[in-house]
């Protein structure tokens, strides 16, 4: 057990009350109880003979403390003099979720064809709390325990610590490259879609291309005064398979796009390629190319297809100088993959050590809501579910991060994502003025 990680988790749970960390102990040594005001007794999760084995995983159904499910321990409490001793092992439970421990131990059957851990297989989904930031609920339990021993503890003020509106630039334009033109011809022949006029208009002017919806997106985003916009840009020289279509980050159209971003104060991040998840050296090369193309030092990252690196591989990002990752969501179900709506340092479960990468939970990706292989929600159900997640983030003073692709809001795009995005932006603008 790494004491640095334990201390970090306790301070993370305490949030703005980190000065009280020395009042909280994590020990089964009765002789040490008097040193603390609240003692959390370990459940045995970190015991050397159990840690890293299937025996360490939580079993369903879970016990609970009030309405909050407990991954480890029980709701039992007792007093040892002036010290409150609790058996709810929220330290192990927080570590389990924040470190993606179950993904580290999972067998191949728990991953899809893209080597992504399947959200529906997660303990959070199977236990029915994927839509709740349970680690943040553990923080509320800890604050209540500290109040029970007579200490003053501040609750986080309702609101958003940060709103980050993100767009993955998988495709910069549709008809300004050969593959797009050929695809347009094919769709025109097979489905009778209009082709000639949109293609000619796009050829004459980038802003006329149907995929180039960034002016509309940025105008929408500016309605949320406190929001930060980030576009994640691919930097593959020759994209293959699922990295197609490749676009030149040093080319004329990309330069126009970067100028638009600068005019709207939009930040840029690296959209690490699909292939790079299997070839770590590619991450370094792609980050270097994007820095060269933009003239900026790029430190934000999101992996293409949300192919999040394994829990024990943070060094693949730090080697490229990437310090903030925005990938952390399940592709197939929206919710709180880490059990929190707050940014948290990467915890490597293999070494039980902290890495110099900050993970920013991704609250909602639009295709997760609508894809028939994922949640397959109607517009009304998607809107209700988004409102539920947004309210959870608001109540816990967390970071709200949304991902809408530029192609999903094209005027002629199938589905409801343009309408849904506009409605969510209106909701967020209302949050800042009416609450």
Protein backbone atom coordinates (compact mmCIF):
# COMPACT_ATOMS: atom_id res chain seq x y z
CA UNK A 1 0.00 0.00 0.00
CA UNK A 2 1.44 3.36 -1.07
CA UNK A 3 0.86 5.97 1.63
CA UNK A 4 1.25 8.80 -0.90
CA UNK A 5 -1.73 7.47 -2.85
CA UNK A 6 -3.79 7.00 0.31
CA UNK A 7 -3.05 10.57 1.39
CA UNK A 8 -3.91 11.84 -2.08
CA UNK A 9 -7.27 10.04 -2.05
CA UNK A 10 -8.16 11.40 1.39
CA UNK A 11 -7.27 14.92 0.34
CA UNK A 12 -9.20 14.46 -2.91
CA UNK A 13 -12.27 13.41 -0.93
CA UNK A 14 -11.89 16.39 1.37
CA UNK A 15 -11.77 18.77 -1.59
CA UNK A 16 -11.76 22.31 -0.14
CA UNK A 17 -11.27 20.88 3.36
CA UNK A 18 -7.84 19.39 2.66
CA UNK A 19 -6.46 21.05 5.81
CA UNK A 20 -8.42 18.44 7.76
CA UNK A 21 -6.56 15.52 6.17
CA UNK A 22 -4.50 14.91 9.29
CA UNK A 23 -7.74 14.34 11.21
CA UNK A 24 -8.55 11.28 9.07
CA UNK A 25 -6.78 7.97 9.57
CA UNK A 26 -6.79 4.83 7.47
CA UNK A 27 -5.67 2.08 9.79
CA UNK A 28 -6.71 -1.11 11.60
CA UNK A 29 -4.19 -0.47 14.39
CA UNK A 30 -6.32 0.29 17.45
CA UNK A 31 -3.34 1.87 19.19
CA UNK A 32 -3.31 4.57 16.48
CA UNK A 33 -6.98 5.53 16.74
CA UNK A 34 -6.35 8.32 19.22
CA UNK A 35 -4.24 10.23 16.69
CA UNK A 36 -7.30 10.90 14.52
CA UNK A 37 -10.83 12.24 14.82
CA UNK A 38 -12.17 9.86 12.15
CA UNK A 39 -10.69 6.45 11.38
CA UNK A 40 -11.59 4.45 8.28
CA UNK A 41 -10.77 0.79 8.83
CA UNK A 42 -9.27 -1.02 5.83
CA UNK A 43 -11.42 -3.77 4.34
CA UNK A 44 -8.46 -5.91 3.28
CA UNK A 45 -8.54 -4.75 -0.34
CA UNK A 46 -4.88 -3.68 -0.25
CA UNK A 47 -3.65 -6.84 1.51
CA UNK A 48 -0.75 -8.29 -0.44
CA UNK A 49 -2.33 -11.73 -0.82
CA UNK A 50 -5.56 -10.25 -2.24
CA UNK A 51 -4.51 -7.16 -4.19
CA UNK A 52 -4.33 -7.78 -7.92
CA UNK A 53 -6.43 -10.97 -7.74
CA UNK A 54 -10.03 -11.72 -8.63
CA UNK A 55 -10.70 -12.17 -4.90
CA UNK A 56 -10.22 -8.42 -4.42
CA UNK A 57 -13.14 -7.45 -6.67
CA UNK A 58 -16.45 -6.27 -5.15
CA UNK A 59 -19.33 -8.73 -5.11
CA UNK A 60 -22.94 -7.94 -5.91
CA UNK A 61 -25.29 -7.01 -4.40
CA UNK A 62 -23.41 -4.19 -2.69
CA UNK A 63 -24.11 -3.03 0.83
CA UNK A 64 -24.84 0.65 1.30
CA UNK A 65 -24.55 3.50 3.77
CA UNK A 66 -27.76 5.44 3.52
CA UNK A 67 -28.39 5.65 -0.22
CA UNK A 68 -24.71 5.38 -1.19
CA UNK A 69 -23.47 1.94 -2.34
CA UNK A 70 -20.26 0.68 -0.76
CA UNK A 71 -17.80 -1.27 -2.85
CA UNK A 72 -15.91 -2.39 0.24
CA UNK A 73 -16.61 -2.57 3.96
CA UNK A 74 -19.91 -2.04 5.72
CA UNK A 75 -22.04 0.72 7.22
CA UNK A 76 -21.02 -0.17 10.77
CA UNK A 77 -19.66 2.65 12.95
CA UNK A 78 -18.45 2.81 16.54
CA UNK A 79 -16.76 5.21 18.91
CA UNK A 80 -13.29 4.74 20.35
CA UNK A 81 -13.22 7.54 22.90
CA UNK A 82 -13.60 10.77 20.88
CA UNK A 83 -12.72 9.03 17.63
CA UNK A 84 -15.39 7.90 15.17
CA UNK A 85 -14.43 4.55 13.65
CA UNK A 86 -16.18 3.61 10.39
CA UNK A 87 -16.07 0.34 8.52
CA UNK A 88 -17.17 1.82 5.19
CA UNK A 89 -13.89 1.58 3.27
CA UNK A 90 -14.36 4.59 1.04
CA UNK A 91 -10.59 4.82 0.51
CA UNK A 92 -10.45 1.41 -1.20
CA UNK A 93 -13.71 2.14 -3.05
CA UNK A 94 -12.37 5.44 -4.34
CA UNK A 95 -9.07 3.86 -5.35
CA UNK A 96 -10.92 1.07 -7.18
CA UNK A 97 -12.87 3.55 -9.31
CA UNK A 98 -10.28 6.31 -9.76
CA UNK A 99 -7.56 3.87 -10.84
CA UNK A 100 -9.75 1.81 -13.21
CA UNK A 101 -8.68 -1.19 -11.17
CA UNK A 102 -11.27 -3.55 -12.65
CA UNK A 103 -10.05 -2.73 -16.17
CA UNK A 104 -6.52 -3.62 -15.13
CA UNK A 105 -7.68 -7.09 -14.02
CA UNK A 106 -10.28 -7.72 -16.71
CA UNK A 107 -9.97 -10.53 -19.26
CA UNK A 108 -10.33 -10.09 -23.01
CA UNK A 109 -14.09 -10.71 -22.92
CA UNK A 110 -14.59 -7.39 -21.11
CA UNK A 111 -13.22 -5.42 -24.09
CA UNK A 112 -14.80 -4.68 -27.44
CA UNK A 113 -13.24 -5.09 -30.87
CA UNK A 114 -11.45 -1.75 -30.45
CA UNK A 115 -9.83 -2.92 -27.17
CA UNK A 116 -12.05 -0.60 -25.15
CA UNK A 117 -13.40 -1.70 -21.79
CA UNK A 118 -17.15 -2.20 -22.16
CA UNK A 119 -19.03 0.15 -19.85
CA UNK A 120 -21.94 -2.27 -19.50
CA UNK A 121 -19.49 -4.75 -17.93
CA UNK A 122 -18.33 -2.27 -15.28
CA UNK A 123 -19.30 -2.61 -11.64
CA UNK A 124 -20.84 0.87 -11.88
CA UNK A 125 -23.25 -0.24 -14.63
CA UNK A 126 -24.00 -3.65 -13.14
CA UNK A 127 -24.68 -2.15 -9.71
CA UNK A 128 -26.78 0.61 -11.23
CA UNK A 129 -24.79 3.71 -10.27
CA UNK A 130 -23.05 4.63 -13.53
CA UNK A 131 -25.11 7.86 -13.61
CA UNK A 132 -23.91 8.87 -10.13
CA UNK A 133 -20.42 10.14 -9.16
CA UNK A 134 -20.05 7.72 -6.25
CA UNK A 135 -16.59 8.92 -5.24
CA UNK A 136 -18.05 12.40 -4.80
CA UNK A 137 -20.81 10.84 -2.70
CA UNK A 138 -18.08 9.20 -0.60
CA UNK A 139 -16.67 12.69 -0.11
CA UNK A 140 -20.05 13.79 1.26
CA UNK A 141 -20.01 10.85 3.70
CA UNK A 142 -16.55 11.84 4.92
CA UNK A 143 -17.67 15.43 5.48
CA UNK A 144 -20.61 14.17 7.54
CA UNK A 145 -18.34 11.98 9.68
CA UNK A 146 -16.09 14.94 10.40
CA UNK A 147 -19.10 16.98 11.45
CA UNK A 148 -20.14 14.18 13.80
CA UNK A 149 -16.88 14.65 15.74
CA UNK A 150 -17.50 18.39 16.00
CA UNK A 151 -15.33 19.77 13.21
CA UNK A 152 -16.41 22.55 10.87
CA UNK A 153 -16.52 21.30 7.29
CA UNK A 154 -17.50 23.22 4.18
CA UNK A 155 -19.63 21.63 1.50
CA UNK A 156 -18.68 22.40 -2.11
CA UNK A 157 -20.81 25.19 -3.46
CA UNK A 158 -23.21 24.05 -6.17
CA UNK A 159 -21.98 25.10 -9.57
CA UNK A 160 -19.55 24.07 -12.29
CA UNK A 161 -15.85 24.14 -11.49
CA UNK A 162 -15.31 24.15 -15.25
CA UNK A 163 -17.39 23.69 -18.39
CA UNK A 164 -15.36 22.31 -21.28
CA UNK A 165 -17.07 22.03 -24.66
CA UNK A 166 -15.00 19.79 -26.89
CA UNK A 167 -15.05 18.78 -30.55
CA UNK A 168 -13.01 15.96 -32.06
CA UNK A 169 -11.91 16.93 -35.57
CA UNK A 170 -12.08 13.46 -37.10
CA UNK A 171 -12.98 15.08 -40.42
CA UNK A 172 -12.10 18.66 -41.23
CA UNK A 173 -13.98 18.79 -44.54
CA UNK A 174 -16.04 16.49 -46.75
CA UNK A 175 -15.56 17.55 -50.36
CA UNK A 176 -12.11 19.16 -50.41
CA UNK A 177 -10.23 15.89 -50.86
CA UNK A 178 -10.50 13.00 -53.34
CA UNK A 179 -11.92 10.45 -50.91
CA UNK A 180 -14.77 12.77 -49.97
CA UNK A 181 -15.61 13.51 -53.60
CA UNK A 182 -15.69 9.80 -54.47
CA UNK A 183 -17.85 9.12 -51.40
CA UNK A 184 -20.24 11.89 -52.47
CA UNK A 185 -20.55 10.40 -55.94
CA UNK A 186 -21.28 6.98 -54.43
CA UNK A 187 -24.00 8.35 -52.12
CA UNK A 188 -25.52 10.29 -55.02
CA UNK A 189 -25.75 7.14 -57.13
CA UNK A 190 -26.98 4.80 -54.40
CA UNK A 191 -29.17 7.08 -52.33
CA UNK A 192 -29.92 10.05 -54.54
CA UNK A 193 -28.20 12.48 -52.17
CA UNK A 194 -27.32 15.92 -53.59
CA UNK A 195 -23.68 16.04 -54.60
CA UNK A 196 -22.67 18.42 -57.38
CA UNK A 197 -23.79 21.70 -55.86
CA UNK A 198 -22.45 21.03 -52.31
CA UNK A 199 -19.17 19.75 -53.74
CA UNK A 200 -18.67 22.76 -55.99
CA UNK A 201 -19.53 25.19 -53.20
CA UNK A 202 -17.13 23.41 -50.84
CA UNK A 203 -14.39 23.38 -53.45
CA UNK A 204 -14.70 27.14 -53.85
CA UNK A 205 -14.79 27.96 -50.14
CA UNK A 206 -13.93 25.90 -47.05
CA UNK A 207 -16.72 27.51 -45.04
CA UNK A 208 -19.26 26.03 -47.48
CA UNK A 209 -18.18 22.47 -46.80
CA UNK A 210 -20.96 20.58 -44.94
CA UNK A 211 -18.51 19.15 -42.39
CA UNK A 212 -17.07 22.56 -41.55
CA UNK A 213 -19.60 23.43 -38.85
CA UNK A 214 -17.09 25.07 -36.52
CA UNK A 215 -18.37 28.64 -36.98
CA UNK A 216 -21.81 27.49 -35.81
CA UNK A 217 -20.37 25.44 -32.93
CA UNK A 218 -18.18 28.28 -31.69
CA UNK A 219 -21.07 30.74 -31.82
CA UNK A 220 -23.16 28.31 -29.78
CA UNK A 221 -20.38 27.80 -27.26
CA UNK A 222 -19.93 31.52 -26.72
CA UNK A 223 -23.45 31.64 -25.31
CA UNK A 224 -22.03 29.91 -22.22
CA UNK A 225 -19.90 32.68 -20.82
CA UNK A 226 -17.74 30.58 -18.52
CA UNK A 227 -17.16 27.71 -20.96
CA UNK A 228 -13.81 26.68 -22.38
CA UNK A 229 -13.80 25.23 -25.90
CA UNK A 230 -11.22 22.67 -26.99
CA UNK A 231 -10.84 21.14 -30.45
CA UNK A 232 -8.87 17.91 -30.61
CA UNK A 233 -6.98 17.70 -33.90
CA UNK A 234 -5.52 14.65 -35.62
CA UNK A 235 -1.89 14.77 -36.65
CA UNK A 236 -1.33 11.60 -38.63
CA UNK A 237 0.68 11.95 -41.83
CA UNK A 238 -0.97 8.95 -43.49
CA UNK A 239 -4.13 7.69 -41.84
CA UNK A 240 -5.17 4.09 -42.41
CA UNK A 241 -8.33 2.11 -41.59
CA UNK A 242 -10.11 3.91 -38.74
CA UNK A 243 -7.71 6.88 -38.84
CA UNK A 244 -9.12 7.81 -42.26
CA UNK A 245 -9.65 10.39 -43.52
CA UNK A 246 -6.29 11.96 -42.79
CA UNK A 247 -5.93 15.70 -43.24
CA UNK A 248 -2.76 17.72 -43.32
CA UNK A 249 -2.40 19.73 -40.07
CA UNK A 250 0.17 21.86 -41.88
CA UNK A 251 -2.06 22.45 -44.90
CA UNK A 252 -3.99 25.51 -46.04
CA UNK A 253 -7.40 24.40 -44.75
CA UNK A 254 -6.00 23.47 -41.36
CA UNK A 255 -4.33 26.87 -41.15
CA UNK A 256 -7.69 28.54 -41.85
CA UNK A 257 -9.24 26.41 -39.14
CA UNK A 258 -6.51 27.31 -36.62
CA UNK A 259 -7.07 30.99 -37.41
CA UNK A 260 -10.79 30.56 -36.71
CA UNK A 261 -9.96 28.88 -33.41
CA UNK A 262 -7.67 31.74 -32.43
CA UNK A 263 -10.34 34.31 -33.28
CA UNK A 264 -12.81 32.54 -30.97
CA UNK A 265 -10.24 31.82 -28.22
CA UNK A 266 -10.58 28.08 -28.80
CA UNK A 267 -7.89 25.83 -27.34
CA UNK A 268 -6.28 23.02 -29.32
CA UNK A 269 -5.50 19.51 -28.20
CA UNK A 270 -4.08 16.36 -29.77
CA UNK A 271 -6.55 13.79 -31.06
CA UNK A 272 -4.23 10.82 -30.74
CA UNK A 273 -4.71 8.39 -33.58
CA UNK A 274 -6.43 5.03 -33.40
CA UNK A 275 -3.16 3.30 -34.27
CA UNK A 276 -1.24 5.12 -31.55
CA UNK A 277 -3.06 3.20 -28.83
CA UNK A 278 -1.03 0.18 -29.97
CA UNK A 279 2.12 2.10 -30.96
CA UNK A 280 3.16 4.42 -28.12
CA UNK A 281 5.96 5.99 -30.16
CA UNK A 282 3.29 7.42 -32.49
CA UNK A 283 1.94 9.59 -29.68
CA UNK A 284 5.27 11.40 -29.40
CA UNK A 285 5.49 11.89 -33.16
CA UNK A 286 1.89 13.13 -33.48
CA UNK A 287 2.25 15.58 -30.62
CA UNK A 288 5.44 16.96 -32.16
CA UNK A 289 3.74 17.36 -35.57
CA UNK A 290 0.75 19.19 -34.09
CA UNK A 291 3.00 21.52 -32.10
CA UNK A 292 4.90 22.27 -35.30
CA UNK A 293 1.70 22.89 -37.28
CA UNK A 294 0.10 25.18 -34.70
CA UNK A 295 3.18 26.85 -33.24
CA UNK A 296 1.78 25.99 -29.81
CA UNK A 297 2.85 23.69 -27.00
CA UNK A 298 0.06 21.11 -26.95
CA UNK A 299 -0.58 19.41 -23.59
CA UNK A 300 -4.24 18.29 -23.86
CA UNK A 301 -5.09 14.90 -25.34
CA UNK A 302 -8.02 12.75 -26.34
CA UNK A 303 -7.68 9.35 -27.96
CA UNK A 304 -9.51 8.61 -31.22
CA UNK A 305 -12.48 6.24 -30.73
CA UNK A 306 -12.02 6.85 -26.99
CA UNK A 307 -9.32 4.15 -27.01
CA UNK A 308 -8.16 5.03 -23.52
CA UNK A 309 -4.70 3.68 -22.70
CA UNK A 310 -4.56 0.80 -20.20
CA UNK A 311 -4.59 1.89 -16.53
CA UNK A 312 -0.94 0.95 -16.10
CA UNK A 313 0.39 2.98 -19.07
CA UNK A 314 0.43 6.67 -18.08
CA UNK A 315 4.04 6.98 -19.23
CA UNK A 316 2.88 6.85 -22.85
CA UNK A 317 1.35 10.31 -22.40
CA UNK A 318 4.00 11.81 -20.17
CA UNK A 319 6.70 10.77 -22.66
CA UNK A 320 4.99 13.04 -25.21
CA UNK A 321 4.63 15.95 -22.81
CA UNK A 322 0.86 15.50 -22.55
CA UNK A 323 -0.36 16.44 -19.09
CA UNK A 324 -4.18 16.50 -19.41
CA UNK A 325 -6.34 13.76 -20.88
CA UNK A 326 -10.02 14.16 -21.82
CA UNK A 327 -10.76 10.59 -23.00
CA UNK A 328 -12.18 9.14 -19.82
CA UNK A 329 -15.68 7.92 -20.66
CA UNK A 330 -17.22 4.65 -21.73
CA UNK A 331 -18.14 4.73 -25.43
CA UNK A 332 -21.24 2.59 -24.89
CA UNK A 333 -22.81 4.24 -21.84
CA UNK A 334 -22.58 7.83 -20.62
CA UNK A 335 -21.86 8.41 -16.97
CA UNK A 336 -19.00 8.60 -14.51
CA UNK A 337 -16.33 6.10 -15.52
CA UNK A 338 -14.03 7.11 -12.64
CA UNK A 339 -16.87 7.56 -10.17
CA UNK A 340 -16.19 11.30 -10.04
CA UNK A 341 -17.01 14.44 -11.97
CA UNK A 342 -13.80 16.14 -10.84
CA UNK A 343 -10.39 16.11 -12.49
CA UNK A 344 -8.11 13.60 -10.80
CA UNK A 345 -4.51 12.49 -11.17
CA UNK A 346 -3.90 9.22 -12.99
CA UNK A 347 -3.38 6.42 -10.46
CA UNK A 348 -1.49 3.40 -11.80
CA UNK A 349 -3.02 0.29 -10.17
CA UNK A 350 -0.04 -1.87 -11.13
CA UNK A 351 2.45 0.21 -9.14
CA UNK A 352 -0.04 2.01 -6.85
CA UNK A 353 1.59 5.29 -7.77
CA UNK A 354 0.45 8.69 -8.98
CA UNK A 355 1.34 9.81 -12.50
CA UNK A 356 1.78 13.36 -13.79
CA UNK A 357 -1.37 13.21 -15.91
CA UNK A 358 -4.64 14.86 -14.95
CA UNK A 359 -7.74 12.95 -16.06
CA UNK A 360 -10.77 15.08 -16.95
CA UNK A 361 -13.94 12.94 -16.93
CA UNK A 362 -15.94 13.15 -20.15
CA UNK A 363 -19.58 13.52 -19.13
CA UNK A 364 -21.34 12.92 -22.46
CA UNK A 365 -20.33 12.01 -26.01
CA UNK A 366 -23.20 12.52 -28.44
CA UNK A 367 -22.86 9.21 -30.29
CA UNK A 368 -23.04 7.28 -27.02
CA UNK A 369 -26.59 8.52 -26.62
CA UNK A 370 -27.87 7.68 -30.10
CA UNK A 371 -25.82 4.82 -31.51
CA UNK A 372 -27.98 1.71 -31.77
CA UNK A 373 -25.08 -0.38 -30.43
CA UNK A 374 -24.74 1.90 -27.42
CA UNK A 375 -27.58 3.57 -25.49
CA UNK A 376 -29.89 3.98 -28.53
CA UNK A 377 -31.90 6.76 -26.88
CA UNK A 378 -34.63 8.83 -28.47
CA UNK A 379 -34.24 12.60 -28.50
CA UNK A 380 -36.50 12.96 -25.44
CA UNK A 381 -34.68 10.27 -23.46
CA UNK A 382 -31.25 11.62 -24.46
CA UNK A 383 -32.28 15.09 -23.31
CA UNK A 384 -33.53 13.76 -19.95
CA UNK A 385 -30.38 11.71 -19.40
CA UNK A 386 -28.11 14.65 -20.24
CA UNK A 387 -30.06 16.83 -17.79
CA UNK A 388 -29.58 14.17 -15.10
CA UNK A 389 -25.81 14.02 -15.59
CA UNK A 390 -25.46 17.80 -15.85
CA UNK A 391 -27.34 18.27 -12.58
CA UNK A 392 -25.09 15.72 -10.84
CA UNK A 393 -22.00 17.63 -11.95
CA UNK A 394 -23.57 20.92 -10.85
CA UNK A 395 -24.47 19.66 -7.38
CA UNK A 396 -20.97 18.26 -6.76
CA UNK A 397 -19.17 21.34 -8.16
CA UNK A 398 -17.50 19.20 -10.78
CA UNK A 399 -16.19 19.60 -14.31
CA UNK A 400 -18.72 19.26 -17.09
CA UNK A 401 -17.15 18.05 -20.33
CA UNK A 402 -19.15 17.46 -23.49
CA UNK A 403 -18.05 15.96 -26.81
CA UNK A 404 -19.93 16.81 -29.98
CA UNK A 405 -18.25 16.06 -33.33
CA UNK A 406 -18.44 18.74 -36.00
CA UNK A 407 -19.95 16.26 -38.47
CA UNK A 408 -22.81 15.32 -36.15
CA UNK A 409 -24.23 18.85 -36.23
CA UNK A 410 -24.07 19.34 -40.00
CA UNK A 411 -27.32 20.75 -41.34
CA UNK A 412 -28.07 17.59 -43.32
CA UNK A 413 -26.66 15.15 -40.77
CA UNK A 414 -28.93 12.32 -39.70
CA UNK A 415 -30.16 12.26 -36.13
CA UNK A 416 -30.95 14.83 -33.48
CA UNK A 417 -27.53 16.01 -32.36
CA UNK A 418 -27.64 19.54 -33.75
CA UNK A 419 -30.97 20.16 -32.03
CA UNK A 420 -29.87 18.46 -28.82
CA UNK A 421 -26.61 20.41 -28.64
CA UNK A 422 -28.39 23.72 -29.10
CA UNK A 423 -30.85 22.78 -26.35
CA UNK A 424 -28.04 21.79 -23.96
CA UNK A 425 -26.18 25.04 -24.64
CA UNK A 426 -29.36 26.96 -23.83
CA UNK A 427 -29.65 25.00 -20.58
CA UNK A 428 -26.05 25.76 -19.60
CA UNK A 429 -26.50 29.44 -20.41
CA UNK A 430 -29.57 29.42 -18.15
CA UNK A 431 -27.59 27.77 -15.33
CA UNK A 432 -25.21 30.72 -15.25
CA UNK A 433 -27.98 33.33 -15.15
CA UNK A 434 -30.74 31.75 -13.06
CA UNK A 435 -28.92 29.85 -10.30
